[in-house]
């Protein structure tokens, strides 16, 4: 029996025929040991004793099927063929799902929309090149994820990926962060320090929000890109660098160049190849996939998105893009006590959008007339305004551009309780 187990482990057969009655050990005792091998091999149990109870026990222990003795050889062959065919189909389904999943993913980015598929193709092409890339797009569209994907697919992937947000570092420190400094170069410089350019040697340097750099830093950055050398603050020795630079911005750098806020020569140096990340409102086909991806990261069994919640997510405009969507999903999971996230558990702006869409759907289906639709929209607007102003009627009326008396009349007419 031990020899049989070793043979199964080494050769990994497509299927095991296991008799219950065998010398040494009962076949049912062998089923858990086969399962522990973790090979997912289908097992057909052959039995003639206490047929029903033995068959039930075998299935509980992980058998795929059973055959009662006596049996016709042809019947056994048919059963084995069916099991093997089913296994092949299951493996093919898994393979196809993996293939589809891979087509919808690149690095940590996901997207099945034509816009994101084009981004994926562009990234794959850029990874094979060495050109400087300018990644543009609104905040939250995944510019750093795109930069990381370019790096990870490139021949520099085994070397460092170093990121710096040019707008998040104080102006008096950004030069030192980029180029490093010598000991004593300024107050507090107690040691020599390498900058991000040197830290990224052999790899990729990602300059996020490059449009925030001041003019004097733009000049020094341009020199580093043109001459492939840097000088530490307080030092005069040129240090050669071998770095691929990827830059990103959520600004209109062409407008900044026209307004003399950004150097044109630096702009053309970093914008060798542009990559534009589409906003989420232009790739609504990806919202469900992104939502499921985010939800799956929140634990082993996170609550599902209800149909109404999903419709609200698709309807919403997402000014904060993917980052805002991720926050909305996390908000929904945190606020949900049951197994399903509904509109009520989503953030207020998304709830408002979902309620508006629900009202429109009721109207399209003929469930409410036009006057009721208008009244309920008005009610939604007033409730949101009151919520935003902590139910202070005087402040709410001023924000809406109406008198407090008119606001109170509307609240009474629409049944909005001020003691909420």
Protein backbone atom coordinates (compact mmCIF):
# COMPACT_ATOMS: atom_id res chain seq x y z
CA UNK A 1 0.00 0.00 0.00
CA UNK A 2 2.83 2.39 0.81
CA UNK A 3 4.42 1.53 -2.52
CA UNK A 4 1.16 2.49 -4.25
CA UNK A 5 1.11 5.86 -2.48
CA UNK A 6 4.70 6.56 -3.46
CA UNK A 7 3.94 5.62 -7.07
CA UNK A 8 0.95 7.99 -7.15
CA UNK A 9 3.03 10.83 -5.69
CA UNK A 10 5.85 10.34 -8.19
CA UNK A 11 3.96 9.56 -11.39
CA UNK A 12 0.73 11.57 -10.76
CA UNK A 13 -1.75 9.40 -12.69
CA UNK A 14 -4.82 10.87 -14.37
CA UNK A 15 -7.15 8.68 -12.29
CA UNK A 16 -6.99 6.10 -9.48
CA UNK A 17 -9.17 2.95 -9.28
CA UNK A 18 -9.34 2.03 -5.59
CA UNK A 19 -10.82 -1.22 -4.31
CA UNK A 20 -12.29 -1.17 -0.82
CA UNK A 21 -11.22 -4.70 0.06
CA UNK A 22 -7.44 -5.08 -0.25
CA UNK A 23 -4.71 -6.90 1.65
CA UNK A 24 -3.20 -4.97 4.54
CA UNK A 25 -5.45 -1.89 4.62
CA UNK A 26 -9.02 -0.97 3.78
CA UNK A 27 -9.30 1.15 0.66
CA UNK A 28 -11.30 3.78 2.56
CA UNK A 29 -8.32 4.26 4.89
CA UNK A 30 -6.22 5.17 1.89
CA UNK A 31 -8.54 7.96 0.65
CA UNK A 32 -7.47 10.60 3.25
CA UNK A 33 -3.81 9.81 2.52
CA UNK A 34 -4.38 10.32 -1.19
CA UNK A 35 -6.12 13.61 -0.42
CA UNK A 36 -3.18 14.77 1.70
CA UNK A 37 -0.89 14.48 -1.33
CA UNK A 38 -2.73 17.55 -2.72
CA UNK A 39 -2.61 16.28 -6.30
CA UNK A 40 -6.36 16.55 -7.00
CA UNK A 41 -6.46 13.15 -8.71
CA UNK A 42 -9.97 11.74 -9.31
CA UNK A 43 -10.55 8.47 -7.41
CA UNK A 44 -13.15 5.83 -8.38
CA UNK A 45 -13.93 3.41 -5.56
CA UNK A 46 -14.81 -0.22 -6.37
CA UNK A 47 -17.04 -1.80 -3.74
CA UNK A 48 -19.30 -4.78 -3.21
CA UNK A 49 -19.81 -4.76 0.58
CA UNK A 50 -22.52 -2.71 2.28
CA UNK A 51 -22.77 -0.91 -1.02
CA UNK A 52 -24.81 2.17 -0.06
CA UNK A 53 -23.12 2.95 3.25
CA UNK A 54 -19.62 2.29 1.87
CA UNK A 55 -20.28 4.44 -1.20
CA UNK A 56 -21.57 7.32 0.93
CA UNK A 57 -18.55 7.07 3.22
CA UNK A 58 -16.19 7.00 0.21
CA UNK A 59 -17.75 10.15 -1.24
CA UNK A 60 -17.43 11.90 2.12
CA UNK A 61 -13.74 11.02 2.19
CA UNK A 62 -13.16 12.60 -1.23
CA UNK A 63 -13.86 9.91 -3.81
CA UNK A 64 -15.04 11.21 -7.17
CA UNK A 65 -17.38 8.31 -7.92
CA UNK A 66 -17.93 4.64 -7.14
CA UNK A 67 -18.68 1.42 -9.04
CA UNK A 68 -20.44 -1.54 -7.49
CA UNK A 69 -19.30 -5.09 -8.08
CA UNK A 70 -19.89 -7.03 -10.20
CA UNK A 71 -19.62 -4.61 -13.13
CA UNK A 72 -19.20 -4.79 -16.88
CA UNK A 73 -15.72 -3.68 -18.05
CA UNK A 74 -17.32 -1.51 -20.74
CA UNK A 75 -19.43 0.32 -18.11
CA UNK A 76 -16.28 1.03 -16.09
CA UNK A 77 -14.48 2.30 -19.19
CA UNK A 78 -17.38 4.68 -19.96
CA UNK A 79 -17.38 6.03 -16.40
CA UNK A 80 -13.61 6.56 -16.40
CA UNK A 81 -13.80 8.31 -19.79
CA UNK A 82 -16.56 10.62 -18.50
CA UNK A 83 -14.57 11.56 -15.39
CA UNK A 84 -11.41 12.22 -17.39
CA UNK A 85 -13.32 14.32 -19.92
CA UNK A 86 -14.98 16.34 -17.15
CA UNK A 87 -11.58 16.95 -15.54
CA UNK A 88 -10.15 18.11 -18.86
CA UNK A 89 -13.06 20.52 -19.34
CA UNK A 90 -12.62 21.90 -15.82
CA UNK A 91 -8.92 22.47 -16.42
CA UNK A 92 -9.71 24.18 -19.72
CA UNK A 93 -12.19 26.48 -17.98
CA UNK A 94 -9.56 27.39 -15.38
CA UNK A 95 -7.01 28.02 -18.13
CA UNK A 96 -9.39 30.24 -20.08
CA UNK A 97 -10.34 32.17 -16.95
CA UNK A 98 -6.66 32.74 -16.18
CA UNK A 99 -6.10 33.84 -19.76
CA UNK A 100 -9.00 36.30 -19.60
CA UNK A 101 -7.82 37.53 -16.19
CA UNK A 102 -4.33 38.11 -17.56
CA UNK A 103 -5.72 40.07 -20.51
CA UNK A 104 -7.54 42.29 -18.02
CA UNK A 105 -4.47 42.86 -15.82
CA UNK A 106 -1.06 44.42 -16.16
CA UNK A 107 0.97 44.67 -12.99
CA UNK A 108 -1.49 45.94 -10.38
CA UNK A 109 -3.71 47.62 -12.96
CA UNK A 110 -6.96 46.05 -14.11
CA UNK A 111 -9.22 46.96 -16.99
CA UNK A 112 -11.20 45.31 -19.75
CA UNK A 113 -12.25 48.58 -21.43
CA UNK A 114 -10.78 49.48 -24.84
CA UNK A 115 -9.11 52.52 -23.24
CA UNK A 116 -7.23 50.43 -20.68
CA UNK A 117 -6.39 47.69 -23.17
CA UNK A 118 -4.71 50.38 -25.27
CA UNK A 119 -2.83 51.58 -22.17
CA UNK A 120 -1.64 48.00 -21.54
CA UNK A 121 -0.40 47.66 -25.13
CA UNK A 122 1.42 51.00 -24.90
CA UNK A 123 3.08 50.05 -21.62
CA UNK A 124 4.29 46.75 -23.08
CA UNK A 125 5.84 48.65 -25.99
CA UNK A 126 7.41 51.27 -23.72
CA UNK A 127 8.92 48.58 -21.49
CA UNK A 128 11.06 47.41 -24.41
CA UNK A 129 12.40 50.93 -25.05
CA UNK A 130 14.62 53.21 -22.99
CA UNK A 131 12.95 56.54 -23.79
CA UNK A 132 11.82 58.99 -21.13
CA UNK A 133 8.05 58.81 -20.67
CA UNK A 134 5.61 61.47 -19.48
CA UNK A 135 2.53 59.88 -17.90
CA UNK A 136 -0.36 62.31 -17.65
CA UNK A 137 -3.81 61.99 -16.19
CA UNK A 138 -6.09 63.15 -13.42
CA UNK A 139 -5.32 62.41 -9.80
CA UNK A 140 -6.18 58.82 -8.89
CA UNK A 141 -5.95 57.35 -12.39
CA UNK A 142 -2.99 55.10 -11.57
CA UNK A 143 0.00 56.96 -12.99
CA UNK A 144 2.46 55.42 -10.53
CA UNK A 145 1.05 51.93 -11.19
CA UNK A 146 1.69 52.50 -14.89
CA UNK A 147 5.26 53.59 -14.16
CA UNK A 148 5.86 50.52 -12.01
CA UNK A 149 4.47 48.27 -14.76
CA UNK A 150 6.85 49.81 -17.31
CA UNK A 151 9.77 49.19 -14.93
CA UNK A 152 8.75 45.64 -14.03
CA UNK A 153 8.40 44.63 -17.69
CA UNK A 154 11.70 46.23 -18.70
CA UNK A 155 15.22 44.85 -18.64
CA UNK A 156 15.83 47.08 -15.59
CA UNK A 157 13.30 45.17 -13.49
CA UNK A 158 15.97 43.57 -11.27
CA UNK A 159 17.28 47.04 -10.34
CA UNK A 160 15.64 49.66 -8.06
CA UNK A 161 12.41 51.49 -8.80
CA UNK A 162 12.68 54.79 -6.92
CA UNK A 163 9.69 57.14 -6.70
CA UNK A 164 9.58 60.74 -5.50
CA UNK A 165 6.61 63.09 -5.35
CA UNK A 166 8.01 66.46 -6.39
CA UNK A 167 5.04 68.30 -4.91
CA UNK A 168 5.12 66.64 -1.49
CA UNK A 169 8.68 67.58 -0.44
CA UNK A 170 9.48 71.04 0.98
CA UNK A 171 11.12 73.35 -1.54
CA UNK A 172 14.30 73.72 0.49
CA UNK A 173 14.78 69.93 0.58
CA UNK A 174 13.81 68.81 -2.92
CA UNK A 175 17.24 69.48 -4.47
CA UNK A 176 18.95 67.41 -1.79
CA UNK A 177 16.36 64.64 -2.23
CA UNK A 178 16.98 64.48 -5.96
CA UNK A 179 20.73 64.95 -6.15
CA UNK A 180 22.01 64.23 -2.64
CA UNK A 181 24.29 66.39 -0.51
CA UNK A 182 27.77 66.47 0.99
CA UNK A 183 28.46 66.64 4.70
CA UNK A 184 28.17 70.22 5.93
CA UNK A 185 26.45 71.45 2.76
CA UNK A 186 23.75 73.12 4.88
CA UNK A 187 22.54 73.21 8.47
CA UNK A 188 21.62 69.69 9.49
CA UNK A 189 23.69 67.98 6.79
CA UNK A 190 25.73 65.95 9.27
CA UNK A 191 26.55 63.19 6.78
CA UNK A 192 27.04 62.68 3.09
CA UNK A 193 23.84 61.45 1.46
CA UNK A 194 23.04 60.03 -1.96
CA UNK A 195 20.05 61.47 -3.82
CA UNK A 196 17.25 59.63 -5.58
CA UNK A 197 19.12 59.66 -8.90
CA UNK A 198 22.02 57.75 -7.39
CA UNK A 199 19.68 55.45 -5.42
CA UNK A 200 17.98 54.47 -8.68
CA UNK A 201 21.29 53.62 -10.39
CA UNK A 202 20.73 50.93 -13.02
CA UNK A 203 16.98 51.12 -12.50
CA UNK A 204 14.11 53.57 -12.89
CA UNK A 205 13.44 56.96 -11.29
CA UNK A 206 9.79 58.01 -11.16
CA UNK A 207 9.25 61.77 -10.80
CA UNK A 208 5.62 62.19 -9.78
CA UNK A 209 3.97 65.62 -10.13
CA UNK A 210 6.98 66.97 -12.01
CA UNK A 211 5.01 70.11 -12.84
CA UNK A 212 5.43 71.27 -9.24
CA UNK A 213 9.21 71.76 -9.58
CA UNK A 214 10.47 75.34 -9.29
CA UNK A 215 12.34 76.94 -12.19
CA UNK A 216 15.83 76.56 -10.69
CA UNK A 217 15.25 72.82 -10.10
CA UNK A 218 13.93 72.46 -13.63
CA UNK A 219 17.27 73.73 -14.95
CA UNK A 220 19.25 71.25 -12.83
CA UNK A 221 16.96 68.39 -13.76
CA UNK A 222 17.35 69.23 -17.45
CA UNK A 223 21.14 69.10 -17.08
CA UNK A 224 20.94 65.72 -15.34
CA UNK A 225 18.80 64.31 -18.15
CA UNK A 226 20.93 65.76 -20.94
CA UNK A 227 24.41 65.05 -19.56
CA UNK A 228 23.56 61.96 -17.48
CA UNK A 229 25.42 63.37 -14.47
CA UNK A 230 24.36 64.90 -11.15
CA UNK A 231 26.13 67.02 -8.56
CA UNK A 232 25.35 66.72 -4.87
CA UNK A 233 24.44 69.88 -2.97
CA UNK A 234 27.69 71.28 -1.59
CA UNK A 235 29.79 69.22 -3.99
CA UNK A 236 31.41 70.01 -7.31
CA UNK A 237 32.19 66.53 -8.57
CA UNK A 238 29.96 65.32 -11.44
CA UNK A 239 28.57 61.85 -10.67
CA UNK A 240 27.60 59.71 -13.70
CA UNK A 241 24.11 58.20 -13.56
CA UNK A 242 22.49 55.30 -15.38
CA UNK A 243 18.80 55.85 -14.77
CA UNK A 244 15.66 55.68 -16.86
CA UNK A 245 13.38 58.56 -15.94
CA UNK A 246 9.59 58.28 -15.96
CA UNK A 247 7.67 61.44 -15.08
CA UNK A 248 4.02 62.05 -14.26
CA UNK A 249 1.72 65.04 -13.91
CA UNK A 250 -1.95 65.86 -13.44
CA UNK A 251 -1.37 69.36 -14.83
CA UNK A 252 -1.60 70.64 -18.38
CA UNK A 253 2.14 71.09 -18.92
CA UNK A 254 1.64 72.51 -22.41
CA UNK A 255 -0.41 75.33 -20.86
CA UNK A 256 2.28 75.78 -18.20
CA UNK A 257 4.93 76.04 -20.92
CA UNK A 258 2.83 78.66 -22.75
CA UNK A 259 2.47 80.59 -19.47
CA UNK A 260 6.23 80.34 -18.73
CA UNK A 261 5.57 78.23 -15.63
CA UNK A 262 7.45 75.23 -17.02
CA UNK A 263 10.54 75.19 -19.20
CA UNK A 264 9.84 74.20 -22.77
CA UNK A 265 13.24 72.49 -23.17
CA UNK A 266 12.58 70.31 -20.09
CA UNK A 267 9.05 69.56 -21.30
CA UNK A 268 10.30 68.24 -24.64
CA UNK A 269 13.05 66.29 -22.87
CA UNK A 270 10.64 64.41 -20.59
CA UNK A 271 7.79 64.12 -23.11
CA UNK A 272 9.69 61.88 -25.52
CA UNK A 273 6.83 59.38 -25.35
CA UNK A 274 3.48 60.44 -23.80
CA UNK A 275 1.18 58.02 -21.98
CA UNK A 276 -2.27 59.28 -21.04
CA UNK A 277 -4.18 57.50 -18.26
CA UNK A 278 -7.94 57.71 -18.91
CA UNK A 279 -10.26 58.92 -16.12
CA UNK A 280 -12.63 56.37 -14.65
CA UNK A 281 -15.72 58.09 -16.10
CA UNK A 282 -14.38 57.21 -19.58
CA UNK A 283 -13.94 53.53 -18.73
CA UNK A 284 -17.12 52.64 -16.86
CA UNK A 285 -16.86 49.06 -18.15
CA UNK A 286 -14.03 48.60 -15.65
CA UNK A 287 -15.92 49.74 -12.54
CA UNK A 288 -17.34 46.31 -11.69
CA UNK A 289 -13.96 44.62 -12.23
CA UNK A 290 -12.15 47.28 -10.17
CA UNK A 291 -14.76 47.01 -7.43
CA UNK A 292 -14.41 43.24 -7.25
CA UNK A 293 -10.62 43.50 -7.21
CA UNK A 294 -10.70 46.00 -4.36
CA UNK A 295 -13.33 43.99 -2.48
CA UNK A 296 -11.23 40.82 -2.75
CA UNK A 297 -8.32 42.59 -1.04
CA UNK A 298 -10.36 43.27 2.09
CA UNK A 299 -10.37 39.77 3.57
CA UNK A 300 -11.30 36.16 2.96
CA UNK A 301 -15.08 36.69 2.73
CA UNK A 302 -15.89 40.38 2.17
CA UNK A 303 -19.56 41.31 1.59
CA UNK A 304 -20.82 41.23 -1.99
CA UNK A 305 -21.95 44.30 -3.92
CA UNK A 306 -25.71 44.35 -4.44
CA UNK A 307 -27.09 45.06 -7.91
CA UNK A 308 -28.36 48.45 -6.74
CA UNK A 309 -24.98 49.35 -5.24
CA UNK A 310 -23.19 48.30 -8.44
CA UNK A 311 -25.54 50.41 -10.55
CA UNK A 312 -24.84 53.38 -8.26
CA UNK A 313 -21.08 52.86 -8.66
CA UNK A 314 -21.39 52.74 -12.45
CA UNK A 315 -23.63 55.82 -12.53
CA UNK A 316 -21.39 58.00 -10.35
CA UNK A 317 -18.94 60.44 -11.99
CA UNK A 318 -15.79 59.55 -9.93
CA UNK A 319 -13.92 62.88 -9.81
CA UNK A 320 -11.31 61.09 -7.67
CA UNK A 321 -11.06 58.21 -10.17
CA UNK A 322 -9.84 54.75 -9.13
CA UNK A 323 -8.55 55.96 -5.76
CA UNK A 324 -12.01 57.30 -4.88
CA UNK A 325 -13.63 54.04 -6.03
CA UNK A 326 -11.30 52.02 -3.77
CA UNK A 327 -12.17 54.30 -0.84
CA UNK A 328 -15.89 53.89 -1.59
CA UNK A 329 -15.62 50.07 -1.56
CA UNK A 330 -13.67 50.13 1.71
CA UNK A 331 -16.28 52.51 3.16
CA UNK A 332 -19.06 50.15 2.09
CA UNK A 333 -17.35 47.12 3.65
CA UNK A 334 -16.74 49.01 6.91
CA UNK A 335 -20.38 50.14 7.12
CA UNK A 336 -21.93 46.78 6.19
CA UNK A 337 -23.00 44.35 8.90
CA UNK A 338 -24.55 41.76 6.59
CA UNK A 339 -23.29 39.85 3.58
CA UNK A 340 -24.22 42.47 0.96
CA UNK A 341 -23.23 46.11 0.40
CA UNK A 342 -26.26 48.19 -0.60
CA UNK A 343 -26.55 51.84 -1.61
CA UNK A 344 -27.09 52.91 2.01
CA UNK A 345 -23.59 51.71 2.94
CA UNK A 346 -21.83 53.71 0.20
CA UNK A 347 -20.45 57.27 0.65
CA UNK A 348 -22.94 60.13 0.36
CA UNK A 349 -22.00 61.33 -3.18
CA UNK A 350 -22.35 57.77 -4.51
CA UNK A 351 -25.60 57.23 -2.61
CA UNK A 352 -27.02 60.39 -4.15
CA UNK A 353 -26.09 59.22 -7.63
CA UNK A 354 -27.58 55.78 -6.97
CA UNK A 355 -30.82 57.21 -5.65
CA UNK A 356 -31.11 59.51 -8.66
CA UNK A 357 -30.60 56.60 -11.05
CA UNK A 358 -33.16 54.51 -9.14
CA UNK A 359 -35.70 57.32 -9.50
CA UNK A 360 -35.02 57.61 -13.22
CA UNK A 361 -35.47 53.86 -13.62
CA UNK A 362 -38.83 53.97 -11.78
CA UNK A 363 -39.94 56.76 -14.09
CA UNK A 364 -38.77 54.88 -17.21
CA UNK A 365 -40.69 51.82 -16.04
CA UNK A 366 -43.84 53.93 -15.54
CA UNK A 367 -43.90 53.28 -11.78
CA UNK A 368 -44.05 57.02 -10.92
CA UNK A 369 -45.38 60.02 -12.85
CA UNK A 370 -43.44 63.14 -13.78
CA UNK A 371 -44.69 65.26 -10.87
CA UNK A 372 -43.65 62.65 -8.32
CA UNK A 373 -40.26 62.29 -10.03
CA UNK A 374 -39.65 66.04 -9.74
CA UNK A 375 -40.81 66.06 -6.10
CA UNK A 376 -38.53 63.21 -5.14
CA UNK A 377 -35.55 64.78 -6.92
CA UNK A 378 -36.26 68.01 -5.06
CA UNK A 379 -36.44 66.07 -1.81
CA UNK A 380 -33.07 64.43 -2.50
CA UNK A 381 -31.47 67.83 -3.21
CA UNK A 382 -32.89 69.41 -0.04
CA UNK A 383 -31.89 66.43 2.13
CA UNK A 384 -28.34 66.50 0.82
CA UNK A 385 -28.09 70.27 1.37
CA UNK A 386 -29.41 69.87 4.93
CA UNK A 387 -26.98 67.02 5.62
CA UNK A 388 -24.07 69.06 4.32
CA UNK A 389 -25.03 71.92 6.64
CA UNK A 390 -25.73 69.67 9.64
CA UNK A 391 -29.48 70.35 9.32
CA UNK A 392 -29.04 74.06 10.05
CA UNK A 393 -31.94 75.52 8.09
CA UNK A 394 -30.70 79.13 8.00
CA UNK A 395 -27.30 78.09 6.62
CA UNK A 396 -28.89 75.61 4.18
CA UNK A 397 -31.30 78.24 2.83
CA UNK A 398 -28.41 80.68 2.29
CA UNK A 399 -26.42 78.01 0.40
CA UNK A 400 -29.43 77.25 -1.81
CA UNK A 401 -30.13 80.95 -2.46
CA UNK A 402 -33.63 80.86 -0.97
CA UNK A 403 -35.16 82.21 2.22
CA UNK A 404 -35.47 80.11 5.35
CA UNK A 405 -39.28 80.45 5.11
CA UNK A 406 -39.34 78.98 1.60
CA UNK A 407 -37.02 76.16 2.70
CA UNK A 408 -39.35 75.35 5.61
CA UNK A 409 -42.40 75.35 3.32
CA UNK A 410 -40.66 72.94 0.94
CA UNK A 411 -39.62 70.68 3.82
CA UNK A 412 -43.20 70.55 5.10
CA UNK A 413 -44.57 69.84 1.61
CA UNK A 414 -42.03 67.06 0.97
CA UNK A 415 -42.32 65.52 4.43
CA UNK A 416 -38.72 66.24 5.47
CA UNK A 417 -38.55 66.11 9.26
CA UNK A 418 -36.29 68.87 10.67
CA UNK A 419 -35.85 66.82 13.87
CA UNK A 420 -34.01 64.11 11.94
